[in-house]
Amino acid sequence: MPVVKQFSIIMIFCSLKQRQFTRWSKQDSEAVKNYFSSWISSTGLPGKSDILKFKEQNESMKYDWTTIRNKVVNEKMAYEKRKKLRLESLKF
């Protein structure tokens, strides 16, 4: 019986922790998409130095360089997914 009680306490503790995420403004999102469009549509990812150059040019960008890199990765995945769906729709 005590084992079950410990398990339920652990489950309650784990369910209280919430996933953290970044809510991007449309302006910031478009700036990232436009600047990193070559990386999004091709292979590879921008390095830290490339992202820091972007931050210097866009001083209003309040995000950490790793957050910007994650945004580029997510946009790249969305691009690949859209590309795959377009190719599948063209097949007959």
C-alpha atoms as a PDB file:
ATOM      1  CA  MET A   1       0.000   0.000   0.000  1.00  0.00           C
ATOM      2  CA  PRO A   2       2.725   2.602   0.771  1.00  0.00           C
ATOM      3  CA  VAL A   3       4.246   2.029  -2.677  1.00  0.00           C
ATOM      4  CA  VAL A   4       0.990   3.091  -4.337  1.00  0.00           C
ATOM      5  CA  LYS A   5       0.860   6.267  -2.226  1.00  0.00           C
ATOM      6  CA  GLN A   6       4.429   7.177  -3.196  1.00  0.00           C
ATOM      7  CA  PHE A   7       3.610   6.649  -6.843  1.00  0.00           C
ATOM      8  CA  SER A   8       0.549   8.905  -6.679  1.00  0.00           C
ATOM      9  CA  ILE A   9       2.601  11.641  -4.998  1.00  0.00           C
ATOM     10  CA  ILE A  10       5.198  11.431  -7.775  1.00  0.00           C
ATOM     11  CA  MET A  11       2.507  11.627 -10.438  1.00  0.00           C
ATOM     12  CA  ILE A  12       1.001  14.741  -8.831  1.00  0.00           C
ATOM     13  CA  PHE A  13       4.422  16.390  -8.603  1.00  0.00           C
ATOM     14  CA  CYS A  14       5.216  15.636 -12.258  1.00  0.00           C
ATOM     15  CA  SER A  15       1.862  16.908 -13.461  1.00  0.00           C
ATOM     16  CA  LEU A  16       2.434  20.292 -11.789  1.00  0.00           C
ATOM     17  CA  LYS A  17       5.514  21.016 -13.896  1.00  0.00           C
ATOM     18  CA  GLN A  18       4.551  22.761 -17.121  1.00  0.00           C
ATOM     19  CA  ARG A  19       6.430  22.939 -20.399  1.00  0.00           C
ATOM     20  CA  GLN A  20       8.042  26.300 -21.056  1.00  0.00           C
ATOM     21  CA  PHE A  21       7.737  27.810 -24.520  1.00  0.00           C
ATOM     22  CA  THR A  22       8.415  31.062 -26.313  1.00  0.00           C
ATOM     23  CA  ARG A  23       5.596  33.048 -27.840  1.00  0.00           C
ATOM     24  CA  TRP A  24       7.001  34.828 -30.883  1.00  0.00           C
ATOM     25  CA  SER A  25       5.545  38.085 -32.178  1.00  0.00           C
ATOM     26  CA  LYS A  26       4.697  38.154 -35.889  1.00  0.00           C
ATOM     27  CA  GLN A  27       7.357  40.786 -36.541  1.00  0.00           C
ATOM     28  CA  ASP A  28      10.114  38.816 -34.830  1.00  0.00           C
ATOM     29  CA  SER A  29       9.037  35.588 -36.496  1.00  0.00           C
ATOM     30  CA  GLU A  30       9.064  37.186 -39.950  1.00  0.00           C
ATOM     31  CA  ALA A  31      12.477  38.746 -39.279  1.00  0.00           C
ATOM     32  CA  VAL A  32      13.914  35.329 -38.402  1.00  0.00           C
ATOM     33  CA  LYS A  33      12.290  33.670 -41.438  1.00  0.00           C
ATOM     34  CA  ASN A  34      13.568  36.347 -43.823  1.00  0.00           C
ATOM     35  CA  TYR A  35      17.120  36.491 -42.476  1.00  0.00           C
ATOM     36  CA  PHE A  36      17.604  32.721 -42.197  1.00  0.00           C
ATOM     37  CA  SER A  37      15.614  31.747 -45.323  1.00  0.00           C
ATOM     38  CA  SER A  38      18.681  30.232 -47.002  1.00  0.00           C
ATOM     39  CA  TRP A  39      19.281  27.936 -44.023  1.00  0.00           C
ATOM     40  CA  ILE A  40      15.600  27.036 -43.747  1.00  0.00           C
ATOM     41  CA  SER A  41      15.320  25.979 -47.384  1.00  0.00           C
ATOM     42  CA  SER A  42      18.666  24.142 -47.589  1.00  0.00           C
ATOM     43  CA  THR A  43      20.737  21.771 -45.514  1.00  0.00           C
ATOM     44  CA  GLY A  44      22.593  22.900 -42.424  1.00  0.00           C
ATOM     45  CA  LEU A  45      21.881  25.274 -39.590  1.00  0.00           C
ATOM     46  CA  PRO A  46      23.274  28.692 -38.724  1.00  0.00           C
ATOM     47  CA  GLY A  47      26.077  28.816 -36.199  1.00  0.00           C
ATOM     48  CA  LYS A  48      26.247  30.884 -33.065  1.00  0.00           C
ATOM     49  CA  SER A  49      28.239  33.626 -34.809  1.00  0.00           C
ATOM     50  CA  ASP A  50      25.596  33.922 -37.559  1.00  0.00           C
ATOM     51  CA  ILE A  51      22.830  34.210 -35.008  1.00  0.00           C
ATOM     52  CA  LEU A  52      24.740  36.802 -32.981  1.00  0.00           C
ATOM     53  CA  LYS A  53      25.228  38.883 -36.162  1.00  0.00           C
ATOM     54  CA  PHE A  54      21.478  38.721 -36.680  1.00  0.00           C
ATOM     55  CA  LYS A  55      20.909  39.887 -33.105  1.00  0.00           C
ATOM     56  CA  GLU A  56      23.272  42.836 -33.640  1.00  0.00           C
ATOM     57  CA  GLN A  57      21.321  43.913 -36.724  1.00  0.00           C
ATOM     58  CA  ASN A  58      17.990  43.471 -34.914  1.00  0.00           C
ATOM     59  CA  GLU A  59      18.552  45.095 -31.549  1.00  0.00           C
ATOM     60  CA  SER A  60      14.891  44.736 -30.607  1.00  0.00           C
ATOM     61  CA  MET A  61      15.312  40.939 -30.638  1.00  0.00           C
ATOM     62  CA  LYS A  62      15.070  39.975 -26.968  1.00  0.00           C
ATOM     63  CA  TYR A  63      15.580  36.238 -27.397  1.00  0.00           C
ATOM     64  CA  ASP A  64      18.668  34.227 -26.504  1.00  0.00           C
ATOM     65  CA  TRP A  65      20.696  32.834 -29.432  1.00  0.00           C
ATOM     66  CA  THR A  66      19.633  29.261 -28.583  1.00  0.00           C
ATOM     67  CA  THR A  67      15.957  30.282 -28.730  1.00  0.00           C
ATOM     68  CA  ILE A  68      16.517  31.811 -32.161  1.00  0.00           C
ATOM     69  CA  ARG A  69      18.285  28.648 -33.305  1.00  0.00           C
ATOM     70  CA  ASN A  70      15.354  26.541 -32.091  1.00  0.00           C
ATOM     71  CA  LYS A  71      13.020  28.799 -34.081  1.00  0.00           C
ATOM     72  CA  VAL A  72      15.110  28.205 -37.219  1.00  0.00           C
ATOM     73  CA  VAL A  73      15.033  24.432 -36.600  1.00  0.00           C
ATOM     74  CA  ASN A  74      11.240  24.498 -36.156  1.00  0.00           C
ATOM     75  CA  GLU A  75      10.754  26.596 -39.293  1.00  0.00           C
ATOM     76  CA  LYS A  76      13.019  24.212 -41.196  1.00  0.00           C
ATOM     77  CA  MET A  77      10.921  21.236 -40.073  1.00  0.00           C
ATOM     78  CA  ALA A  78       7.711  23.020 -41.096  1.00  0.00           C
ATOM     79  CA  TYR A  79       9.238  23.838 -44.500  1.00  0.00           C
ATOM     80  CA  GLU A  80      10.217  20.202 -45.058  1.00  0.00           C
ATOM     81  CA  LYS A  81       6.743  19.035 -44.038  1.00  0.00           C
ATOM     82  CA  ARG A  82       5.053  21.459 -46.467  1.00  0.00           C
ATOM     83  CA  LYS A  83       7.468  20.416 -49.214  1.00  0.00           C
ATOM     84  CA  LYS A  84       6.709  16.737 -48.632  1.00  0.00           C
ATOM     85  CA  LEU A  85       2.943  17.338 -48.726  1.00  0.00           C
ATOM     86  CA  ARG A  86       3.231  19.294 -51.996  1.00  0.00           C
ATOM     87  CA  LEU A  87       5.254  16.506 -53.604  1.00  0.00           C
ATOM     88  CA  GLU A  88       2.755  13.878 -52.464  1.00  0.00           C
ATOM     89  CA  SER A  89      -0.147  15.882 -53.887  1.00  0.00           C
ATOM     90  CA  LEU A  90       1.601  16.042 -57.280  1.00  0.00           C
ATOM     91  CA  LYS A  91       1.997  12.270 -57.489  1.00  0.00           C
ATOM     92  CA  PHE A  92      -0.819  10.393 -59.167  1.00  0.00           C
END
